[in-house]
C-alpha atoms as a PDB file:
ATOM      1  CA  MET A   1       4.989  -4.267  -4.688  1.00  0.00           C
ATOM      2  CA  ASN A   2       4.221  -7.870  -3.829  1.00  0.00           C
ATOM      3  CA  PRO A   3       5.910 -10.330  -6.209  1.00  0.00           C
ATOM      4  CA  ALA A   4       2.469 -11.656  -7.159  1.00  0.00           C
ATOM      5  CA  PHE A   5       2.052  -8.390  -9.064  1.00  0.00           C
ATOM      6  CA  GLU A   6       4.791  -8.961 -11.596  1.00  0.00           C
ATOM      7  CA  ARG A   7       6.312  -6.199 -13.674  1.00  0.00           C
ATOM      8  CA  GLU A   8       4.338  -7.687 -16.539  1.00  0.00           C
ATOM      9  CA  SER A   9       1.111  -6.774 -14.729  1.00  0.00           C
ATOM     10  CA  LEU A  10       1.557  -3.190 -15.915  1.00  0.00           C
ATOM     11  CA  GLU A  11       2.954  -4.110 -19.311  1.00  0.00           C
ATOM     12  CA  ARG A  12       0.186  -6.673 -19.896  1.00  0.00           C
ATOM     13  CA  LEU A  13      -2.565  -4.043 -19.603  1.00  0.00           C
ATOM     14  CA  GLY A  14      -2.363  -3.358 -23.318  1.00  0.00           C
ATOM     15  CA  ASP A  15      -3.186  -7.003 -24.099  1.00  0.00           C
ATOM     16  CA  VAL A  16      -6.722  -7.822 -22.961  1.00  0.00           C
ATOM     17  CA  GLU A  17      -6.485 -11.457 -24.030  1.00  0.00           C
ATOM     18  CA  ALA A  18      -3.297 -11.961 -21.997  1.00  0.00           C
ATOM     19  CA  CYS A  19      -4.993 -10.416 -18.953  1.00  0.00           C
ATOM     20  CA  PHE A  20      -7.968 -12.733 -19.424  1.00  0.00           C
ATOM     21  CA  ARG A  21      -5.764 -15.819 -19.652  1.00  0.00           C
ATOM     22  CA  ARG A  22      -3.988 -14.740 -16.465  1.00  0.00           C
ATOM     23  CA  ARG A  23      -7.348 -14.393 -14.731  1.00  0.00           C
ATOM     24  CA  ILE A  24      -8.572 -17.895 -15.542  1.00  0.00           C
ATOM     25  CA  GLU A  25      -5.246 -19.742 -15.561  1.00  0.00           C
ATOM     26  CA  TYR A  26      -3.247 -18.242 -12.678  1.00  0.00           C
ATOM     27  CA  PRO A  27      -0.706 -20.719 -11.269  1.00  0.00           C
ATOM     28  CA  PRO A  28      -2.125 -22.127  -8.007  1.00  0.00           C
ATOM     29  CA  ARG A  29       1.298 -21.939  -6.351  1.00  0.00           C
ATOM     30  CA  GLU A  30       1.006 -18.150  -6.302  1.00  0.00           C
ATOM     31  CA  PHE A  31      -2.109 -18.163  -4.171  1.00  0.00           C
ATOM     32  CA  GLY A  32      -2.030 -21.448  -2.301  1.00  0.00           C
ATOM     33  CA  ALA A  33      -4.242 -24.462  -2.725  1.00  0.00           C
ATOM     34  CA  ARG A  34      -7.352 -23.303  -0.886  1.00  0.00           C
ATOM     35  CA  VAL A  35      -9.462 -24.090  -3.915  1.00  0.00           C
ATOM     36  CA  ARG A  36      -7.057 -26.398  -5.662  1.00  0.00           C
ATOM     37  CA  ASP A  37      -6.469 -26.435  -9.382  1.00  0.00           C
ATOM     38  CA  ARG A  38      -9.742 -24.656 -10.143  1.00  0.00           C
ATOM     39  CA  THR A  39     -11.777 -27.601  -8.797  1.00  0.00           C
ATOM     40  CA  PHE A  40     -14.745 -26.139  -6.944  1.00  0.00           C
ATOM     41  CA  ASP A  41     -16.123 -28.710  -4.584  1.00  0.00           C
ATOM     42  CA  ASP A  42     -19.173 -29.024  -2.380  1.00  0.00           C
ATOM     43  CA  ARG A  43     -17.890 -26.441   0.099  1.00  0.00           C
ATOM     44  CA  LEU A  44     -18.798 -23.644  -2.284  1.00  0.00           C
ATOM     45  CA  GLU A  45     -22.071 -25.233  -3.363  1.00  0.00           C
ATOM     46  CA  GLY A  46     -22.986 -25.691   0.287  1.00  0.00           C
ATOM     47  CA  GLY A  47     -22.193 -22.051   0.937  1.00  0.00           C
ATOM     48  CA  LEU A  48     -25.115 -20.985  -1.246  1.00  0.00           C
ATOM     49  CA  ALA A  49     -27.489 -22.018   1.521  1.00  0.00           C
ATOM     50  CA  HIS A  50     -25.957 -19.376   3.787  1.00  0.00           C
ATOM     51  CA  VAL A  51     -26.673 -16.391   1.535  1.00  0.00           C
ATOM     52  CA  SER A  52     -29.698 -14.926  -0.200  1.00  0.00           C
ATOM     53  CA  GLY A  53     -30.628 -12.072  -2.513  1.00  0.00           C
ATOM     54  CA  ARG A  54     -27.695 -10.224  -4.037  1.00  0.00           C
ATOM     55  CA  LEU A  55     -25.021 -12.301  -2.306  1.00  0.00           C
ATOM     56  CA  ARG A  56     -26.528 -15.563  -3.549  1.00  0.00           C
ATOM     57  CA  ALA A  57     -26.795 -14.210  -7.091  1.00  0.00           C
ATOM     58  CA  MET A  58     -23.205 -12.987  -6.861  1.00  0.00           C
ATOM     59  CA  SER A  59     -22.033 -16.395  -5.624  1.00  0.00           C
ATOM     60  CA  GLU A  60     -23.926 -18.381  -8.261  1.00  0.00           C
ATOM     61  CA  SER A  61     -22.630 -16.146 -11.029  1.00  0.00           C
ATOM     62  CA  ALA A  62     -19.050 -16.385  -9.779  1.00  0.00           C
ATOM     63  CA  LEU A  63     -19.247 -20.177  -9.571  1.00  0.00           C
ATOM     64  CA  ARG A  64     -20.692 -20.383 -13.082  1.00  0.00           C
ATOM     65  CA  VAL A  65     -17.930 -18.196 -14.536  1.00  0.00           C
ATOM     66  CA  ALA A  66     -15.207 -20.106 -12.708  1.00  0.00           C
ATOM     67  CA  ARG A  67     -16.480 -23.444 -14.016  1.00  0.00           C
ATOM     68  CA  ASP A  68     -17.498 -22.575 -17.537  1.00  0.00           C
ATOM     69  CA  GLU A  69     -15.662 -19.523 -18.791  1.00  0.00           C
ATOM     70  CA  ARG A  70     -12.783 -20.526 -21.057  1.00  0.00           C
ATOM     71  CA  ALA A  71     -13.093 -17.902 -23.780  1.00  0.00           C
ATOM     72  CA  MET A  72     -13.171 -14.175 -23.182  1.00  0.00           C
ATOM     73  CA  PRO A  73     -16.816 -13.034 -23.111  1.00  0.00           C
ATOM     74  CA  THR A  74     -18.086 -10.456 -25.551  1.00  0.00           C
ATOM     75  CA  THR A  75     -20.528  -8.894 -23.084  1.00  0.00           C
ATOM     76  CA  PRO A  76     -19.443  -6.337 -20.470  1.00  0.00           C
ATOM     77  CA  LEU A  77     -18.125  -7.670 -17.185  1.00  0.00           C
ATOM     78  CA  ASP A  78     -20.495  -7.763 -14.239  1.00  0.00           C
ATOM     79  CA  CYS A  79     -18.977  -6.068 -11.193  1.00  0.00           C
ATOM     80  CA  ASP A  80     -20.713  -8.296  -8.634  1.00  0.00           C
ATOM     81  CA  THR A  81     -19.539 -11.432 -10.398  1.00  0.00           C
ATOM     82  CA  GLU A  82     -15.946 -10.251 -10.498  1.00  0.00           C
ATOM     83  CA  VAL A  83     -16.033  -9.261  -6.827  1.00  0.00           C
ATOM     84  CA  GLY A  84     -17.526 -12.668  -6.033  1.00  0.00           C
ATOM     85  CA  LEU A  85     -14.659 -14.463  -7.772  1.00  0.00           C
ATOM     86  CA  VAL A  86     -12.175 -12.612  -5.575  1.00  0.00           C
ATOM     87  CA  ALA A  87     -14.236 -12.867  -2.385  1.00  0.00           C
ATOM     88  CA  LEU A  88     -14.577 -16.652  -2.732  1.00  0.00           C
ATOM     89  CA  GLU A  89     -10.824 -16.840  -3.424  1.00  0.00           C
ATOM     90  CA  MET A  90     -11.306 -18.437  -6.833  1.00  0.00           C
ATOM     91  CA  VAL A  91      -9.336 -15.622  -8.463  1.00  0.00           C
ATOM     92  CA  PRO A  92      -6.691 -13.615  -6.585  1.00  0.00           C
ATOM     93  CA  ILE A  93      -6.752  -9.861  -6.897  1.00  0.00           C
ATOM     94  CA  PHE A  94      -3.403  -9.855  -8.706  1.00  0.00           C
ATOM     95  CA  ALA A  95      -4.994 -11.894 -11.519  1.00  0.00           C
ATOM     96  CA  ALA A  96      -8.309 -10.020 -11.537  1.00  0.00           C
ATOM     97  CA  LEU A  97      -7.284  -6.362 -11.400  1.00  0.00           C
ATOM     98  CA  PRO A  98      -5.196  -6.163 -14.606  1.00  0.00           C
ATOM     99  CA  TYR A  99      -8.057  -7.788 -16.509  1.00  0.00           C
ATOM    100  CA  TRP A 100     -10.572  -5.344 -15.074  1.00  0.00           C
ATOM    101  CA  ILE A 101      -8.446  -2.383 -16.117  1.00  0.00           C
ATOM    102  CA  ALA A 102      -7.660  -3.744 -19.575  1.00  0.00           C
ATOM    103  CA  ARG A 103     -11.202  -4.871 -20.314  1.00  0.00           C
ATOM    104  CA  GLU A 104     -13.460  -2.281 -18.677  1.00  0.00           C
ATOM    105  CA  GLY A 105     -11.226   0.635 -17.711  1.00  0.00           C
ATOM    106  CA  LEU A 106     -10.204   2.337 -14.506  1.00  0.00           C
ATOM    107  CA  GLY A 107     -13.710   3.296 -13.385  1.00  0.00           C
ATOM    108  CA  PHE A 108     -14.890  -0.318 -13.302  1.00  0.00           C
ATOM    109  CA  ALA A 109     -11.627  -1.443 -11.692  1.00  0.00           C
ATOM    110  CA  LEU A 110     -11.926   1.156  -8.929  1.00  0.00           C
ATOM    111  CA  ARG A 111     -15.504   0.152  -8.105  1.00  0.00           C
ATOM    112  CA  ALA A 112     -14.656  -3.536  -8.053  1.00  0.00           C
ATOM    113  CA  LEU A 113     -11.444  -3.118  -6.062  1.00  0.00           C
ATOM    114  CA  ALA A 114     -13.215  -0.974  -3.459  1.00  0.00           C
ATOM    115  CA  ALA A 115     -15.939  -3.616  -3.143  1.00  0.00           C
ATOM    116  CA  THR A 116     -13.426  -6.418  -2.535  1.00  0.00           C
ATOM    117  CA  HIS A 117     -12.484  -4.766   0.764  1.00  0.00           C
ATOM    118  CA  VAL A 118     -15.957  -5.487   2.173  1.00  0.00           C
ATOM    119  CA  HIS A 119     -16.713  -8.820   0.480  1.00  0.00           C
ATOM    120  CA  TRP A 120     -14.740 -11.705   1.877  1.00  0.00           C
ATOM    121  CA  SER A 121     -14.748 -15.450   2.347  1.00  0.00           C
ATOM    122  CA  SER A 122     -16.440 -16.930   5.403  1.00  0.00           C
ATOM    123  CA  ALA A 123     -13.404 -19.216   5.624  1.00  0.00           C
ATOM    124  CA  LYS A 124     -11.488 -16.305   7.146  1.00  0.00           C
ATOM    125  CA  ASP A 125     -13.481 -16.815  10.329  1.00  0.00           C
ATOM    126  CA  GLN A 126     -15.020 -20.287   9.933  1.00  0.00           C
ATOM    127  CA  GLY A 127     -12.100 -22.159   8.403  1.00  0.00           C
ATOM    128  CA  TYR A 128     -11.905 -24.084   5.140  1.00  0.00           C
ATOM    129  CA  GLY A 129     -13.277 -27.395   6.401  1.00  0.00           C
ATOM    130  CA  GLY A 130     -16.978 -26.684   5.839  1.00  0.00           C
ATOM    131  CA  ASP A 131     -19.251 -24.540   3.695  1.00  0.00           C
ATOM    132  CA  ILE A 132     -17.728 -21.373   2.231  1.00  0.00           C
ATOM    133  CA  TRP A 133     -19.799 -18.322   1.347  1.00  0.00           C
ATOM    134  CA  ILE A 134     -19.460 -14.564   0.804  1.00  0.00           C
ATOM    135  CA  MET A 135     -19.594 -12.243   3.786  1.00  0.00           C
ATOM    136  CA  ASN A 136     -20.421  -8.576   3.220  1.00  0.00           C
ATOM    137  CA  ASP A 137     -19.320  -6.298   6.041  1.00  0.00           C
ATOM    138  CA  GLU A 138     -16.309  -4.269   7.175  1.00  0.00           C
ATOM    139  CA  THR A 139     -14.813  -6.834   9.565  1.00  0.00           C
ATOM    140  CA  HIS A 140     -11.722  -7.447   7.424  1.00  0.00           C
ATOM    141  CA  ALA A 141     -11.778  -4.321   5.262  1.00  0.00           C
ATOM    142  CA  HIS A 142      -8.442  -3.214   6.720  1.00  0.00           C
ATOM    143  CA  ARG A 143      -6.618  -6.277   5.355  1.00  0.00           C
ATOM    144  CA  MET A 144      -8.721  -7.767   2.560  1.00  0.00           C
ATOM    145  CA  PRO A 145      -8.365  -8.747  -0.177  1.00  0.00           C
ATOM    146  CA  GLU A 146      -4.943 -10.322   0.072  1.00  0.00           C
ATOM    147  CA  TYR A 147      -2.347  -8.220  -1.759  1.00  0.00           C
ATOM    148  CA  ALA A 148      -4.681  -5.194  -1.734  1.00  0.00           C
ATOM    149  CA  ASP A 149      -1.752  -2.863  -1.029  1.00  0.00           C
ATOM    150  CA  SER A 150      -0.032  -4.001  -4.213  1.00  0.00           C
ATOM    151  CA  ALA A 151      -3.310  -3.716  -6.106  1.00  0.00           C
ATOM    152  CA  TRP A 152      -3.602  -0.055  -5.162  1.00  0.00           C
ATOM    153  CA  ARG A 153       0.024   0.505  -6.165  1.00  0.00           C
ATOM    154  CA  LEU A 154      -0.799  -0.860  -9.607  1.00  0.00           C
ATOM    155  CA  VAL A 155      -3.775   1.509  -9.820  1.00  0.00           C
ATOM    156  CA  ARG A 156      -1.530   4.399  -8.801  1.00  0.00           C
ATOM    157  CA  GLY A 157       0.934   3.480 -11.554  1.00  0.00           C
ATOM    158  CA  VAL A 158      -1.793   3.290 -14.177  1.00  0.00           C
ATOM    159  CA  LEU A 159      -3.154   6.668 -13.094  1.00  0.00           C
ATOM    160  CA  ALA A 160       0.315   8.207 -13.296  1.00  0.00           C
ATOM    161  CA  ALA A 161       0.517   7.161 -16.944  1.00  0.00           C
ATOM    162  CA  ALA A 162      -3.084   8.058 -17.820  1.00  0.00           C
ATOM    163  CA  ASP A 163      -3.998  10.943 -20.119  1.00  0.00           C
ATOM    164  CA  ASP A 164      -5.872  13.906 -18.666  1.00  0.00           C
ATOM    165  CA  ALA A 165      -9.324  12.747 -19.747  1.00  0.00           C
ATOM    166  CA  THR A 166      -8.856   9.233 -18.367  1.00  0.00           C
ATOM    167  CA  TYR A 167      -7.504  10.580 -15.105  1.00  0.00           C
ATOM    168  CA  ALA A 168     -10.354  13.061 -14.723  1.00  0.00           C
ATOM    169  CA  ALA A 169     -12.984  10.379 -15.348  1.00  0.00           C
ATOM    170  CA  ALA A 170     -11.343   8.025 -12.849  1.00  0.00           C
ATOM    171  CA  ARG A 171     -11.150  10.836 -10.297  1.00  0.00           C
ATOM    172  CA  GLU A 172     -14.895  11.397 -10.561  1.00  0.00           C
ATOM    173  CA  THR A 173     -15.489   7.702  -9.939  1.00  0.00           C
ATOM    174  CA  ALA A 174     -13.197   7.861  -6.923  1.00  0.00           C
ATOM    175  CA  ARG A 175     -14.919  10.986  -5.643  1.00  0.00           C
ATOM    176  CA  ALA A 176     -18.252   9.170  -5.676  1.00  0.00           C
ATOM    177  CA  LEU A 177     -16.770   6.082  -4.006  1.00  0.00           C
ATOM    178  CA  ARG A 178     -15.296   8.154  -1.183  1.00  0.00           C
ATOM    179  CA  GLU A 179     -18.738   9.239   0.014  1.00  0.00           C
ATOM    180  CA  SER A 180     -19.559   5.820   1.454  1.00  0.00           C
ATOM    181  CA  ALA A 181     -16.271   3.898   1.330  1.00  0.00           C
ATOM    182  CA  HIS A 182     -14.569   2.276   4.286  1.00  0.00           C
ATOM    183  CA  PRO A 183     -11.812   4.514   5.754  1.00  0.00           C
ATOM    184  CA  VAL A 184      -9.094   2.205   4.427  1.00  0.00           C
ATOM    185  CA  VAL A 185     -10.534   2.500   0.910  1.00  0.00           C
ATOM    186  CA  ARG A 186     -10.588   6.288   1.252  1.00  0.00           C
ATOM    187  CA  SER A 187      -6.951   6.145   2.294  1.00  0.00           C
ATOM    188  CA  MET A 188      -5.996   4.033  -0.698  1.00  0.00           C
ATOM    189  CA  LEU A 189      -7.910   6.297  -3.069  1.00  0.00           C
ATOM    190  CA  ALA A 190      -5.945   9.237  -1.680  1.00  0.00           C
ATOM    191  CA  PHE A 191      -2.736   7.273  -2.197  1.00  0.00           C
ATOM    192  CA  ALA A 192      -3.664   6.412  -5.792  1.00  0.00           C
ATOM    193  CA  PHE A 193      -4.789   9.932  -6.757  1.00  0.00           C
ATOM    194  CA  THR A 194      -1.665  11.871  -5.865  1.00  0.00           C
ATOM    195  CA  THR A 195      -3.112  15.219  -6.976  1.00  0.00           C
ATOM    196  CA  GLU A 196      -5.763  15.170  -4.246  1.00  0.00           C
ATOM    197  CA  ARG A 197      -3.895  16.463  -1.186  1.00  0.00           C
ATOM    198  CA  ASP A 198      -7.186  17.232   0.581  1.00  0.00           C
ATOM    199  CA  TRP A 199      -8.192  13.575   0.317  1.00  0.00           C
ATOM    200  CA  ALA A 200      -4.860  12.521   1.765  1.00  0.00           C
ATOM    201  CA  ASP A 201      -4.989  14.923   4.690  1.00  0.00           C
ATOM    202  CA  GLU A 202      -8.561  13.946   5.516  1.00  0.00           C
ATOM    203  CA  ALA A 203      -7.631  10.256   5.388  1.00  0.00           C
ATOM    204  CA  ALA A 204      -4.510  10.839   7.474  1.00  0.00           C
ATOM    205  CA  LYS A 205      -6.445  12.635  10.211  1.00  0.00           C
ATOM    206  CA  ASP A 206      -8.990   9.837  10.272  1.00  0.00           C
ATOM    207  CA  ALA A 207      -6.265   7.185  10.418  1.00  0.00           C
ATOM    208  CA  LEU A 208      -4.518   8.970  13.271  1.00  0.00           C
ATOM    209  CA  ALA A 209      -7.795   9.211  15.175  1.00  0.00           C
ATOM    210  CA  ARG A 210      -8.377   5.460  14.827  1.00  0.00           C
ATOM    211  CA  GLY A 211      -4.796   4.423  15.492  1.00  0.00           C
ATOM    212  CA  PRO A 212      -2.659   1.774  13.811  1.00  0.00           C
ATOM    213  CA  ARG A 213      -4.515  -1.173  15.336  1.00  0.00           C
ATOM    214  CA  ALA A 214      -7.737  -0.091  13.639  1.00  0.00           C
ATOM    215  CA  SER A 215      -6.204   0.185  10.196  1.00  0.00           C
ATOM    216  CA  GLY A 216      -4.362  -1.721   7.556  1.00  0.00           C
ATOM    217  CA  TYR A 217      -2.473  -0.029   4.775  1.00  0.00           C
ATOM    218  CA  GLU A 218      -2.627   3.635   5.775  1.00  0.00           C
ATOM    219  CA  ASN A 219       1.117   3.985   6.269  1.00  0.00           C
ATOM    220  CA  VAL A 220       1.222   4.687   2.510  1.00  0.00           C
ATOM    221  CA  LEU A 221      -0.327   8.071   3.268  1.00  0.00           C
ATOM    222  CA  VAL A 222       3.138   9.346   4.201  1.00  0.00           C
ATOM    223  CA  THR A 223       3.735   9.747   0.465  1.00  0.00           C
ATOM    224  CA  VAL A 224       0.767  12.037  -0.159  1.00  0.00           C
ATOM    225  CA  ALA A 225      -0.297  13.764   3.076  1.00  0.00           C
ATOM    226  CA  SER A 226       0.977  17.163   4.207  1.00  0.00           C
ATOM    227  CA  LEU A 227       4.381  16.881   5.837  1.00  0.00           C
ATOM    228  CA  ASP A 228       3.200  17.585   9.378  1.00  0.00           C
ATOM    229  CA  LEU A 229       0.628  14.808   9.163  1.00  0.00           C
ATOM    230  CA  ALA A 230       3.042  12.494   7.377  1.00  0.00           C
ATOM    231  CA  ALA A 231       5.558  12.900  10.203  1.00  0.00           C
ATOM    232  CA  VAL A 232       2.961  11.905  12.798  1.00  0.00           C
ATOM    233  CA  LEU A 233       1.963   8.910  10.677  1.00  0.00           C
ATOM    234  CA  ALA A 234       5.601   7.879  10.422  1.00  0.00           C
ATOM    235  CA  LYS A 235       5.886   7.955  14.202  1.00  0.00           C
ATOM    236  CA  MET A 236       2.692   6.003  14.805  1.00  0.00           C
ATOM    237  CA  TRP A 237       3.040   3.179  12.295  1.00  0.00           C
ATOM    238  CA  TRP A 238       5.560   0.540  13.244  1.00  0.00           C
ATOM    239  CA  GLU A 239       7.169   0.303   9.811  1.00  0.00           C
ATOM    240  CA  GLN A 240       7.543   2.341   6.646  1.00  0.00           C
ATOM    241  CA  SER A 241       8.714   0.730   3.424  1.00  0.00           C
ATOM    242  CA  ASP A 242      11.662   2.010   1.455  1.00  0.00           C
ATOM    243  CA  ALA A 243       9.326   2.590  -1.492  1.00  0.00           C
ATOM    244  CA  GLU A 244       7.058   4.888   0.516  1.00  0.00           C
ATOM    245  CA  LEU A 245       9.922   6.921   1.960  1.00  0.00           C
ATOM    246  CA  PHE A 246      11.802   7.313  -1.326  1.00  0.00           C
ATOM    247  CA  THR A 247       8.541   8.282  -3.037  1.00  0.00           C
ATOM    248  CA  LEU A 248       8.023  10.899  -0.353  1.00  0.00           C
ATOM    249  CA  LEU A 249      11.496  12.343  -0.954  1.00  0.00           C
ATOM    250  CA  MET A 250      10.963  12.419  -4.706  1.00  0.00           C
ATOM    251  CA  ARG A 251       7.675  14.249  -4.214  1.00  0.00           C
ATOM    252  CA  GLU A 252       8.702  16.710  -1.497  1.00  0.00           C
ATOM    253  CA  GLY A 253      12.438  17.025  -2.014  1.00  0.00           C
ATOM    254  CA  ALA A 254      14.740  17.665   0.926  1.00  0.00           C
ATOM    255  CA  THR A 255      11.884  18.898   3.126  1.00  0.00           C
ATOM    256  CA  GLY A 256      10.575  15.338   3.184  1.00  0.00           C
ATOM    257  CA  ALA A 257      13.583  14.359   5.282  1.00  0.00           C
ATOM    258  CA  SER A 258      11.689  15.459   8.391  1.00  0.00           C
ATOM    259  CA  VAL A 259       9.301  12.529   7.882  1.00  0.00           C
ATOM    260  CA  VAL A 260      12.152  10.044   7.446  1.00  0.00           C
ATOM    261  CA  ALA A 261      13.750  11.468  10.598  1.00  0.00           C
ATOM    262  CA  ALA A 262      10.474  10.950  12.467  1.00  0.00           C
ATOM    263  CA  ALA A 263      10.422   7.319  11.355  1.00  0.00           C
ATOM    264  CA  LEU A 264      14.025   6.919  12.488  1.00  0.00           C
ATOM    265  CA  ASP A 265      13.359   8.462  15.893  1.00  0.00           C
ATOM    266  CA  THR A 266      10.516   6.030  16.626  1.00  0.00           C
ATOM    267  CA  ALA A 267      11.820   2.908  14.858  1.00  0.00           C
ATOM    268  CA  SER A 268      10.981  -0.261  16.747  1.00  0.00           C
ATOM    269  CA  ASN A 269      14.191  -2.160  16.023  1.00  0.00           C
ATOM    270  CA  ASN A 270      17.688  -1.813  14.622  1.00  0.00           C
ATOM    271  CA  ALA A 271      16.789  -3.290  11.241  1.00  0.00           C
ATOM    272  CA  HIS A 272      14.294  -0.472  10.704  1.00  0.00           C
ATOM    273  CA  ARG A 273      16.724   2.119  12.054  1.00  0.00           C
ATOM    274  CA  LYS A 274      19.368   1.009   9.578  1.00  0.00           C
ATOM    275  CA  ARG A 275      16.958   1.257   6.636  1.00  0.00           C
ATOM    276  CA  TYR A 276      15.681   4.679   7.642  1.00  0.00           C
ATOM    277  CA  ALA A 277      19.179   5.998   8.313  1.00  0.00           C
ATOM    278  CA  ASN A 278      20.420   4.900   4.903  1.00  0.00           C
ATOM    279  CA  ILE A 279      17.464   6.629   3.256  1.00  0.00           C
ATOM    280  CA  LEU A 280      17.981   9.764   5.327  1.00  0.00           C
ATOM    281  CA  ALA A 281      21.661   9.845   4.360  1.00  0.00           C
ATOM    282  CA  THR A 282      20.676  10.442   0.739  1.00  0.00           C
ATOM    283  CA  VAL A 283      19.476  13.927   1.703  1.00  0.00           C
ATOM    284  CA  GLN A 284      22.261  16.430   2.264  1.00  0.00           C
ATOM    285  CA  THR A 285      20.930  19.163   4.541  1.00  0.00           C
ATOM    286  CA  GLU A 286      21.862  20.683   7.871  1.00  0.00           C
ATOM    287  CA  GLY A 287      18.682  19.254   9.347  1.00  0.00           C
ATOM    288  CA  VAL A 288      19.826  15.737   8.485  1.00  0.00           C
ATOM    289  CA  ALA A 289      23.199  16.448  10.075  1.00  0.00           C
ATOM    290  CA  GLU A 290      21.448  17.597  13.245  1.00  0.00           C
ATOM    291  CA  THR A 291      19.359  14.426  13.298  1.00  0.00           C
ATOM    292  CA  PHE A 292      22.409  12.205  12.850  1.00  0.00           C
ATOM    293  CA  SER A 293      24.251  14.025  15.653  1.00  0.00           C
ATOM    294  CA  ARG A 294      21.844  12.329  18.092  1.00  0.00           C
ATOM    295  CA  TYR A 295      22.898   8.899  16.891  1.00  0.00           C
ATOM    296  CA  ILE A 296      26.683   9.019  17.087  1.00  0.00           C
ATOM    297  CA  ALA A 297      26.733   6.500  19.922  1.00  0.00           C
ATOM    298  CA  ASN A 298      24.136   4.215  18.353  1.00  0.00           C
ATOM    299  CA  LYS A 299      25.789   1.037  17.143  1.00  0.00           C
ATOM    300  CA  THR A 300      23.470   0.730  14.159  1.00  0.00           C
ATOM    301  CA  VAL A 301      23.010   4.313  13.006  1.00  0.00           C
ATOM    302  CA  GLY A 302      26.364   5.727  14.190  1.00  0.00           C
ATOM    303  CA  PRO A 303      28.467   4.303  11.330  1.00  0.00           C
ATOM    304  CA  ILE A 304      25.968   5.563   8.751  1.00  0.00           C
ATOM    305  CA  ALA A 305      25.976   8.988  10.393  1.00  0.00           C
ATOM    306  CA  MET A 306      29.783   9.169  10.413  1.00  0.00           C
ATOM    307  CA  LYS A 307      29.946   8.374   6.700  1.00  0.00           C
ATOM    308  CA  PHE A 308      27.426  11.143   6.099  1.00  0.00           C
ATOM    309  CA  PHE A 309      29.536  13.596   8.110  1.00  0.00           C
ATOM    310  CA  GLU A 310      32.706  12.613   6.277  1.00  0.00           C
ATOM    311  CA  ARG A 311      31.051  13.111   2.887  1.00  0.00           C
ATOM    312  CA  ASN A 312      29.641  16.517   3.891  1.00  0.00           C
ATOM    313  CA  PRO A 313      32.223  18.194   6.168  1.00  0.00           C
ATOM    314  CA  GLU A 314      31.299  21.826   5.544  1.00  0.00           C
ATOM    315  CA  LEU A 315      27.565  21.215   5.899  1.00  0.00           C
ATOM    316  CA  THR A 316      28.244  19.229   9.061  1.00  0.00           C
ATOM    317  CA  ARG A 317      30.311  22.011  10.628  1.00  0.00           C
ATOM    318  CA  ARG A 318      27.607  24.594   9.955  1.00  0.00           C
ATOM    319  CA  ALA A 319      24.944  22.367  11.420  1.00  0.00           C
ATOM    320  CA  LEU A 320      26.798  21.052  14.447  1.00  0.00           C
ATOM    321  CA  GLU A 321      28.910  23.958  15.712  1.00  0.00           C
ATOM    322  CA  PRO A 322      25.879  25.661  17.358  1.00  0.00           C
ATOM    323  CA  LEU A 323      24.973  22.345  18.995  1.00  0.00           C
ATOM    324  CA  ALA A 324      28.383  21.354  20.365  1.00  0.00           C
ATOM    325  CA  HIS A 325      28.035  23.061  23.743  1.00  0.00           C
ATOM    326  CA  GLY A 326      26.714  21.654  26.979  1.00  0.00           C
ATOM    327  CA  SER A 327      26.405  18.184  28.439  1.00  0.00           C
ATOM    328  CA  SER A 328      23.436  16.756  26.522  1.00  0.00           C
ATOM    329  CA  MET A 329      23.926  13.618  24.472  1.00  0.00           C
ATOM    330  CA  GLN A 330      23.427  15.586  21.274  1.00  0.00           C
ATOM    331  CA  ALA A 331      25.968  18.224  22.351  1.00  0.00           C
ATOM    332  CA  ARG A 332      28.556  15.589  23.200  1.00  0.00           C
ATOM    333  CA  GLY A 333      27.902  13.833  19.904  1.00  0.00           C
ATOM    334  CA  ALA A 334      28.204  17.060  17.922  1.00  0.00           C
ATOM    335  CA  ALA A 335      31.490  17.935  19.646  1.00  0.00           C
ATOM    336  CA  MET A 336      32.892  14.485  18.953  1.00  0.00           C
ATOM    337  CA  VAL A 337      32.046  14.733  15.251  1.00  0.00           C
ATOM    338  CA  LEU A 338      33.604  18.182  14.964  1.00  0.00           C
ATOM    339  CA  ARG A 339      36.803  16.969  16.609  1.00  0.00           C
ATOM    340  CA  ALA A 340      36.935  14.036  14.187  1.00  0.00           C
ATOM    341  CA  LEU A 341      36.502  16.361  11.206  1.00  0.00           C
ATOM    342  CA  ALA A 342      39.251  18.672  12.484  1.00  0.00           C
ATOM    343  CA  ARG A 343      41.925  15.941  12.434  1.00  0.00           C
END
């Protein structure tokens, strides 16, 4: 999770006032100085001329709250206003989301978070030198808002700790959102609601059809999609995080090693290979031994593989003896390991 989402983000959810103070008093150093020190200058006022209807009302309301709100309101939060605060970059998502959850519950937070993917600052395309206004389309849905991946991880954590009734109500909200949500939002909903394997598989197939250049955060689907789809995702996306791969192994057990092996086989550099190999080495199966037998000569993975073989000699012999015949690289590697174990 991004450091902007501190551990206290989850612990703070039981204290609505603390979440509110975080929302209106976040340290500027955590989000940059794009709108410095909560001083909202003529760029945002000028932006009002570029929008009308709902977007203008959203912008005006967000500006009013940002300027005037110093005590927690007693009326319910307005979703458009909250989305506007994030879209105009007056409040970062890591300061907004905990407050939404604590104040209005998961249903409101899901609707608002989904909306922030398709409401974004014109400064993303126009720069920060002139007027700034809210854009409403899917141009940046795959990477907005900033820290969205960590936001969805927080939602997933809250759902994991929710009681059955809260989870069921949130799931119904998510089900309704999925009908018209951007594909990235559908992917993140599948990631957050770990019981919905059908959602994950549908999102994974869609992500694979669009390809990694058309997506943002969908590599997280390796933790929830069926193993065959997760393996293809692991091959297509250029990097998997340790958190995703360890979560996969905790969920699927040793069978999840096939996905880690797929990531290892298609890793784009040695740093990734080393990470994946170390994760794979935590699983003690013959399949892992077979995978490592292909990497004996690899300068990065070879030492990790040898340590695995030395820790698991009997398993290694069972796995590699059928492979240690012939002239293929894997056969030569298997034979070399078996000779080393026989000494």
